[in-house]
Each structure stands twice: as structure tokens, then as C-alpha cells.
């Protein structure tokens, strides 16, 4: 399933470019769409094993009971 998500901010932000209004093509599923708008960059480990562990932990936290 795909859609266009529109974001409007009071102050200018940087999402690739600087602005206050953005329209972004998004894809979601049965669980919907998760948008993280914290003002910190997402840092993932360089080592693939550690990165997989971290992403699996996030998925587990978001999808309680997911197998």
C-alpha cells in the first residue's frame, strides 16, 4: 500500500533539503507507517551482525508478539 504523506512544520527543518512543507511518497502495511521526527541522526553500527541485532530489537519493541 502506498500514499503521500504531507508534513508541515512551524519552523524550517532539514529533510534532504531545508523547508517547512514536505510531501513524501511512503509505503506501509497492515501495521501502518512509523515516522520518527526526533532531531537526531539515525546511527547504525557498521558491523552487519550488530546492525541486524539492533534492527531486530527495534522491530520486537514495535511489534509485540511478532515472530
PDB file of N, CA and C in Angstrom:
ATOM      1  N   UNK A   1       0.848  -1.161   0.000  1.00  0.00           N
ATOM      2  CA  UNK A   1       0.000   0.000   0.000  1.00  0.00           C
ATOM      3  C   UNK A   1       0.904   1.238   0.000  1.00  0.00           C
ATOM      4  N   UNK A   2       0.580   2.213  -0.821  1.00  0.00           N
ATOM      5  CA  UNK A   2       1.394   3.430  -0.862  1.00  0.00           C
ATOM      6  C   UNK A   2       0.495   4.655  -0.778  1.00  0.00           C
ATOM      7  N   UNK A   3       1.108   5.752  -0.395  1.00  0.00           N
ATOM      8  CA  UNK A   3       0.373   7.009  -0.226  1.00  0.00           C
ATOM      9  C   UNK A   3       1.373   8.153  -0.252  1.00  0.00           C
ATOM     10  N   UNK A   4       0.861   9.349  -0.133  1.00  0.00           N
ATOM     11  CA  UNK A   4       1.705  10.534   0.002  1.00  0.00           C
ATOM     12  C   UNK A   4       1.458  11.105   1.390  1.00  0.00           C
ATOM     13  N   UNK A   5       2.526  11.245   2.162  1.00  0.00           N
ATOM     14  CA  UNK A   5       2.426  11.842   3.496  1.00  0.00           C
ATOM     15  C   UNK A   5       2.885  13.290   3.392  1.00  0.00           C
ATOM     16  N   UNK A   6       2.098  14.190   3.944  1.00  0.00           N
ATOM     17  CA  UNK A   6       2.458  15.607   3.948  1.00  0.00           C
ATOM     18  C   UNK A   6       2.816  16.027   5.361  1.00  0.00           C
ATOM     19  N   UNK A   7       3.936  16.708   5.489  1.00  0.00           N
ATOM     20  CA  UNK A   7       4.408  17.194   6.777  1.00  0.00           C
ATOM     21  C   UNK A   7       4.515  18.707   6.714  1.00  0.00           C
ATOM     22  N   UNK A   8       3.957  19.376   7.703  1.00  0.00           N
ATOM     23  CA  UNK A   8       4.041  20.837   7.805  1.00  0.00           C
ATOM     24  C   UNK A   8       4.627  21.172   9.168  1.00  0.00           C
ATOM     25  N   UNK A   9       5.688  21.949   9.153  1.00  0.00           N
ATOM     26  CA  UNK A   9       6.385  22.315  10.374  1.00  0.00           C
ATOM     27  C   UNK A   9       6.270  23.811  10.619  1.00  0.00           C
ATOM     28  N   UNK A  10       6.229  24.197  11.872  1.00  0.00           N
ATOM     29  CA  UNK A  10       6.185  25.613  12.235  1.00  0.00           C
ATOM     30  C   UNK A  10       7.493  26.291  11.823  1.00  0.00           C
ATOM     31  N   UNK A  11       8.609  25.650  12.141  1.00  0.00           N
ATOM     32  CA  UNK A  11       9.932  26.174  11.797  1.00  0.00           C
ATOM     33  C   UNK A  11      10.540  25.316  10.689  1.00  0.00           C
ATOM     34  N   UNK A  12      11.471  25.880   9.957  1.00  0.00           N
ATOM     35  CA  UNK A  12      12.132  25.138   8.887  1.00  0.00           C
ATOM     36  C   UNK A  12      12.925  23.973   9.469  1.00  0.00           C
ATOM     37  N   UNK A  13      12.873  22.840   8.776  1.00  0.00           N
ATOM     38  CA  UNK A  13      13.625  21.646   9.152  1.00  0.00           C
ATOM     39  C   UNK A  13      14.390  21.166   7.923  1.00  0.00           C
ATOM     40  N   UNK A  14      15.267  20.206   8.144  1.00  0.00           N
ATOM     41  CA  UNK A  14      16.032  19.651   7.030  1.00  0.00           C
ATOM     42  C   UNK A  14      15.637  18.185   6.835  1.00  0.00           C
ATOM     43  N   UNK A  15      14.997  17.914   5.710  1.00  0.00           N
ATOM     44  CA  UNK A  15      14.680  16.546   5.286  1.00  0.00           C
ATOM     45  C   UNK A  15      15.237  16.381   3.876  1.00  0.00           C
ATOM     46  N   UNK A  16      16.542  16.256   3.789  1.00  0.00           N
ATOM     47  CA  UNK A  16      17.201  16.272   2.486  1.00  0.00           C
ATOM     48  C   UNK A  16      17.469  17.698   2.048  1.00  0.00           C
ATOM     49  N   UNK A  17      16.452  18.541   2.069  1.00  0.00           N
ATOM     50  CA  UNK A  17      16.591  19.978   1.827  1.00  0.00           C
ATOM     51  C   UNK A  17      15.912  20.703   2.986  1.00  0.00           C
ATOM     52  N   UNK A  18      16.114  21.983   3.064  1.00  0.00           N
ATOM     53  CA  UNK A  18      15.532  22.762   4.154  1.00  0.00           C
ATOM     54  C   UNK A  18      14.171  23.308   3.726  1.00  0.00           C
ATOM     55  N   UNK A  19      13.185  23.194   4.610  1.00  0.00           N
ATOM     56  CA  UNK A  19      11.864  23.707   4.285  1.00  0.00           C
ATOM     57  C   UNK A  19      10.889  23.523   5.434  1.00  0.00           C
ATOM     58  N   UNK A  20       9.650  23.961   5.227  1.00  0.00           N
ATOM     59  CA  UNK A  20       8.604  23.827   6.248  1.00  0.00           C
ATOM     60  C   UNK A  20       7.480  22.910   5.797  1.00  0.00           C
ATOM     61  N   UNK A  21       7.397  22.613   4.497  1.00  0.00           N
ATOM     62  CA  UNK A  21       6.342  21.742   3.977  1.00  0.00           C
ATOM     63  C   UNK A  21       6.972  20.697   3.063  1.00  0.00           C
ATOM     64  N   UNK A  22       6.661  19.434   3.329  1.00  0.00           N
ATOM     65  CA  UNK A  22       7.200  18.340   2.529  1.00  0.00           C
ATOM     66  C   UNK A  22       6.079  17.371   2.186  1.00  0.00           C
ATOM     67  N   UNK A  23       6.097  16.840   0.984  1.00  0.00           N
ATOM     68  CA  UNK A  23       5.206  15.756   0.569  1.00  0.00           C
ATOM     69  C   UNK A  23       6.116  14.599   0.163  1.00  0.00           C
ATOM     70  N   UNK A  24       5.912  13.444   0.781  1.00  0.00           N
ATOM     71  CA  UNK A  24       6.807  12.310   0.599  1.00  0.00           C
ATOM     72  C   UNK A  24       5.991  11.076   0.224  1.00  0.00           C
ATOM     73  N   UNK A  25       6.432  10.351  -0.810  1.00  0.00           N
ATOM     74  CA  UNK A  25       5.817   9.062  -1.129  1.00  0.00           C
ATOM     75  C   UNK A  25       6.216   8.073  -0.046  1.00  0.00           C
ATOM     76  N   UNK A  26       5.243   7.366   0.500  1.00  0.00           N
ATOM     77  CA  UNK A  26       5.508   6.407   1.577  1.00  0.00           C
ATOM     78  C   UNK A  26       4.825   5.087   1.254  1.00  0.00           C
ATOM     79  N   UNK A  27       5.310   4.031   1.879  1.00  0.00           N
ATOM     80  CA  UNK A  27       4.693   2.713   1.761  1.00  0.00           C
ATOM     81  C   UNK A  27       4.506   2.158   3.156  1.00  0.00           C
ATOM     82  N   UNK A  28       3.392   1.557   3.389  1.00  0.00           N
ATOM     83  CA  UNK A  28       3.095   0.969   4.690  1.00  0.00           C
ATOM     84  C   UNK A  28       2.445  -0.383   4.498  1.00  0.00           C
ATOM     85  N   UNK A  29       2.089  -0.986   5.589  1.00  0.00           N
ATOM     86  CA  UNK A  29       1.444  -2.286   5.537  1.00  0.00           C
ATOM     87  C   UNK A  29       0.300  -2.331   6.519  1.00  0.00           C
ATOM     88  N   UNK A  30       0.009  -3.521   6.983  1.00  0.00           N
ATOM     89  CA  UNK A  30      -1.093  -3.692   7.921  1.00  0.00           C
ATOM     90  C   UNK A  30      -0.879  -2.906   9.203  1.00  0.00           C
ATOM     91  N   UNK A  31       0.374  -2.733   9.590  1.00  0.00           N
ATOM     92  CA  UNK A  31       0.675  -2.023  10.839  1.00  0.00           C
ATOM     93  C   UNK A  31       0.726  -0.525  10.676  1.00  0.00           C
ATOM     94  N   UNK A  32       0.646  -0.031   9.459  1.00  0.00           N
ATOM     95  CA  UNK A  32       0.682   1.403   9.253  1.00  0.00           C
ATOM     96  C   UNK A  32       2.072   1.906   8.926  1.00  0.00           C
ATOM     97  N   UNK A  33       2.323   3.117   9.296  1.00  0.00           N
ATOM     98  CA  UNK A  33       3.570   3.795   8.973  1.00  0.00           C
ATOM     99  C   UNK A  33       4.118   4.420  10.236  1.00  0.00           C
ATOM    100  N   UNK A  34       5.393   4.212  10.496  1.00  0.00           N
ATOM    101  CA  UNK A  34       6.054   4.787  11.659  1.00  0.00           C
ATOM    102  C   UNK A  34       6.955   5.917  11.180  1.00  0.00           C
ATOM    103  N   UNK A  35       6.785   7.095  11.753  1.00  0.00           N
ATOM    104  CA  UNK A  35       7.600   8.256  11.393  1.00  0.00           C
ATOM    105  C   UNK A  35       8.316   8.740  12.640  1.00  0.00           C
ATOM    106  N   UNK A  36       9.633   8.791  12.577  1.00  0.00           N
ATOM    107  CA  UNK A  36      10.453   9.251  13.694  1.00  0.00           C
ATOM    108  C   UNK A  36      10.969  10.643  13.344  1.00  0.00           C
ATOM    109  N   UNK A  37      10.500  11.666  14.044  1.00  0.00           N
ATOM    110  CA  UNK A  37      10.889  13.043  13.738  1.00  0.00           C
ATOM    111  C   UNK A  37      11.791  13.653  14.802  1.00  0.00           C
ATOM    112  N   UNK A  38      12.502  12.794  15.535  1.00  0.00           N
ATOM    113  CA  UNK A  38      13.436  13.341  16.522  1.00  0.00           C
ATOM    114  C   UNK A  38      14.556  14.090  15.806  1.00  0.00           C
ATOM    115  N   UNK A  39      15.099  15.068  16.461  1.00  0.00           N
ATOM    116  CA  UNK A  39      16.138  15.911  15.864  1.00  0.00           C
ATOM    117  C   UNK A  39      17.530  15.330  16.109  1.00  0.00           C
ATOM    118  N   UNK A  40      17.680  14.036  15.872  1.00  0.00           N
ATOM    119  CA  UNK A  40      18.986  13.384  15.993  1.00  0.00           C
ATOM    120  C   UNK A  40      19.153  12.456  14.795  1.00  0.00           C
ATOM    121  N   UNK A  41      20.363  12.344  14.270  1.00  0.00           N
ATOM    122  CA  UNK A  41      20.561  11.443  13.132  1.00  0.00           C
ATOM    123  C   UNK A  41      20.472   9.985  13.571  1.00  0.00           C
ATOM    124  N   UNK A  42      19.986   9.140  12.692  1.00  0.00           N
ATOM    125  CA  UNK A  42      19.933   7.710  12.953  1.00  0.00           C
ATOM    126  C   UNK A  42      21.313   7.140  12.689  1.00  0.00           C
ATOM    127  N   UNK A  43      21.907   6.572  13.703  1.00  0.00           N
ATOM    128  CA  UNK A  43      23.241   5.985  13.564  1.00  0.00           C
ATOM    129  C   UNK A  43      23.127   4.477  13.735  1.00  0.00           C
ATOM    130  N   UNK A  44      23.536   3.760  12.720  1.00  0.00           N
ATOM    131  CA  UNK A  44      23.529   2.301  12.758  1.00  0.00           C
ATOM    132  C   UNK A  44      24.964   1.797  12.801  1.00  0.00           C
ATOM    133  N   UNK A  45      25.193   0.683  13.494  1.00  0.00           N
ATOM    134  CA  UNK A  45      26.545   0.128  13.564  1.00  0.00           C
ATOM    135  C   UNK A  45      27.060  -0.258  12.174  1.00  0.00           C
ATOM    136  N   UNK A  46      28.372  -0.169  11.980  1.00  0.00           N
ATOM    137  CA  UNK A  46      28.981  -0.564  10.712  1.00  0.00           C
ATOM    138  C   UNK A  46      28.960  -2.079  10.529  1.00  0.00           C
ATOM    139  N   UNK A  47      29.149  -2.818  11.629  1.00  0.00           N
ATOM    140  CA  UNK A  47      29.178  -4.282  11.555  1.00  0.00           C
ATOM    141  C   UNK A  47      27.769  -4.815  11.306  1.00  0.00           C
ATOM    142  N   UNK A  48      27.635  -5.605  10.240  1.00  0.00           N
ATOM    143  CA  UNK A  48      26.312  -6.074   9.826  1.00  0.00           C
ATOM    144  C   UNK A  48      25.618  -6.908  10.904  1.00  0.00           C
ATOM    145  N   UNK A  49      26.389  -7.719  11.650  1.00  0.00           N
ATOM    146  CA  UNK A  49      25.774  -8.546  12.689  1.00  0.00           C
ATOM    147  C   UNK A  49      25.150  -7.673  13.777  1.00  0.00           C
ATOM    148  N   UNK A  50      25.873  -6.664  14.191  1.00  0.00           N
ATOM    149  CA  UNK A  50      25.375  -5.765  15.236  1.00  0.00           C
ATOM    150  C   UNK A  50      24.192  -4.946  14.731  1.00  0.00           C
ATOM    151  N   UNK A  51      24.265  -4.521  13.463  1.00  0.00           N
ATOM    152  CA  UNK A  51      23.165  -3.753  12.871  1.00  0.00           C
ATOM    153  C   UNK A  51      21.890  -4.601  12.826  1.00  0.00           C
ATOM    154  N   UNK A  52      22.019  -5.881  12.434  1.00  0.00           N
ATOM    155  CA  UNK A  52      20.855  -6.778  12.406  1.00  0.00           C
ATOM    156  C   UNK A  52      20.255  -6.948  13.795  1.00  0.00           C
ATOM    157  N   UNK A  53      21.114  -7.114  14.799  1.00  0.00           N
ATOM    158  CA  UNK A  53      20.633  -7.255  16.180  1.00  0.00           C
ATOM    159  C   UNK A  53      19.857  -6.014  16.612  1.00  0.00           C
ATOM    160  N   UNK A  54      20.399  -4.847  16.317  1.00  0.00           N
ATOM    161  CA  UNK A  54      19.760  -3.592  16.700  1.00  0.00           C
ATOM    162  C   UNK A  54      18.400  -3.426  16.016  1.00  0.00           C
ATOM    163  N   UNK A  55      18.350  -3.670  14.706  1.00  0.00           N
ATOM    164  CA  UNK A  55      17.092  -3.548  13.968  1.00  0.00           C
ATOM    165  C   UNK A  55      16.067  -4.579  14.444  1.00  0.00           C
ATOM    166  N   UNK A  56      16.516  -5.783  14.758  1.00  0.00           N
ATOM    167  CA  UNK A  56      15.603  -6.810  15.278  1.00  0.00           C
ATOM    168  C   UNK A  56      15.030  -6.378  16.625  1.00  0.00           C
ATOM    169  N   UNK A  57      15.852  -5.745  17.461  1.00  0.00           N
ATOM    170  CA  UNK A  57      15.372  -5.247  18.751  1.00  0.00           C
ATOM    171  C   UNK A  57      14.322  -4.166  18.584  1.00  0.00           C
ATOM    172  N   UNK A  58      14.532  -3.269  17.629  1.00  0.00           N
ATOM    173  CA  UNK A  58      13.539  -2.219  17.370  1.00  0.00           C
ATOM    174  C   UNK A  58      12.235  -2.839  16.874  1.00  0.00           C
ATOM    175  N   UNK A  59      12.356  -3.814  15.964  1.00  0.00           N
ATOM    176  CA  UNK A  59      11.159  -4.460  15.429  1.00  0.00           C
ATOM    177  C   UNK A  59      10.399  -5.157  16.546  1.00  0.00           C
ATOM    178  N   UNK A  60      11.111  -5.823  17.428  1.00  0.00           N
ATOM    179  CA  UNK A  60      10.461  -6.512  18.546  1.00  0.00           C
ATOM    180  C   UNK A  60       9.718  -5.525  19.444  1.00  0.00           C
ATOM    181  N   UNK A  61      10.319  -4.375  19.687  1.00  0.00           N
ATOM    182  CA  UNK A  61       9.677  -3.367  20.537  1.00  0.00           C
ATOM    183  C   UNK A  61       8.415  -2.800  19.876  1.00  0.00           C
ATOM    184  N   UNK A  62       8.436  -2.663  18.556  1.00  0.00           N
ATOM    185  CA  UNK A  62       7.294  -2.101  17.835  1.00  0.00           C
ATOM    186  C   UNK A  62       6.179  -3.111  17.598  1.00  0.00           C
ATOM    187  N   UNK A  63       6.540  -4.354  17.432  1.00  0.00           N
ATOM    188  CA  UNK A  63       5.571  -5.400  17.096  1.00  0.00           C
ATOM    189  C   UNK A  63       5.563  -6.447  18.196  1.00  0.00           C
ATOM    190  N   UNK A  64       5.039  -6.126  19.333  1.00  0.00           N
ATOM    191  CA  UNK A  64       4.974  -7.086  20.440  1.00  0.00           C
ATOM    192  C   UNK A  64       4.276  -8.355  19.968  1.00  0.00           C
ATOM    193  N   UNK A  65       4.921  -9.491  20.195  1.00  0.00           N
ATOM    194  CA  UNK A  65       4.349 -10.765  19.782  1.00  0.00           C
ATOM    195  C   UNK A  65       4.680 -11.152  18.354  1.00  0.00           C
ATOM    196  N   UNK A  66       5.445 -10.307  17.646  1.00  0.00           N
ATOM    197  CA  UNK A  66       5.822 -10.594  16.254  1.00  0.00           C
ATOM    198  C   UNK A  66       6.860 -11.713  16.236  1.00  0.00           C
ATOM    199  N   UNK A  67       6.700 -12.641  15.318  1.00  0.00           N
ATOM    200  CA  UNK A  67       7.667 -13.741  15.212  1.00  0.00           C
ATOM    201  C   UNK A  67       8.245 -13.805  13.835  1.00  0.00           C
TER     202      UNK A  67
END
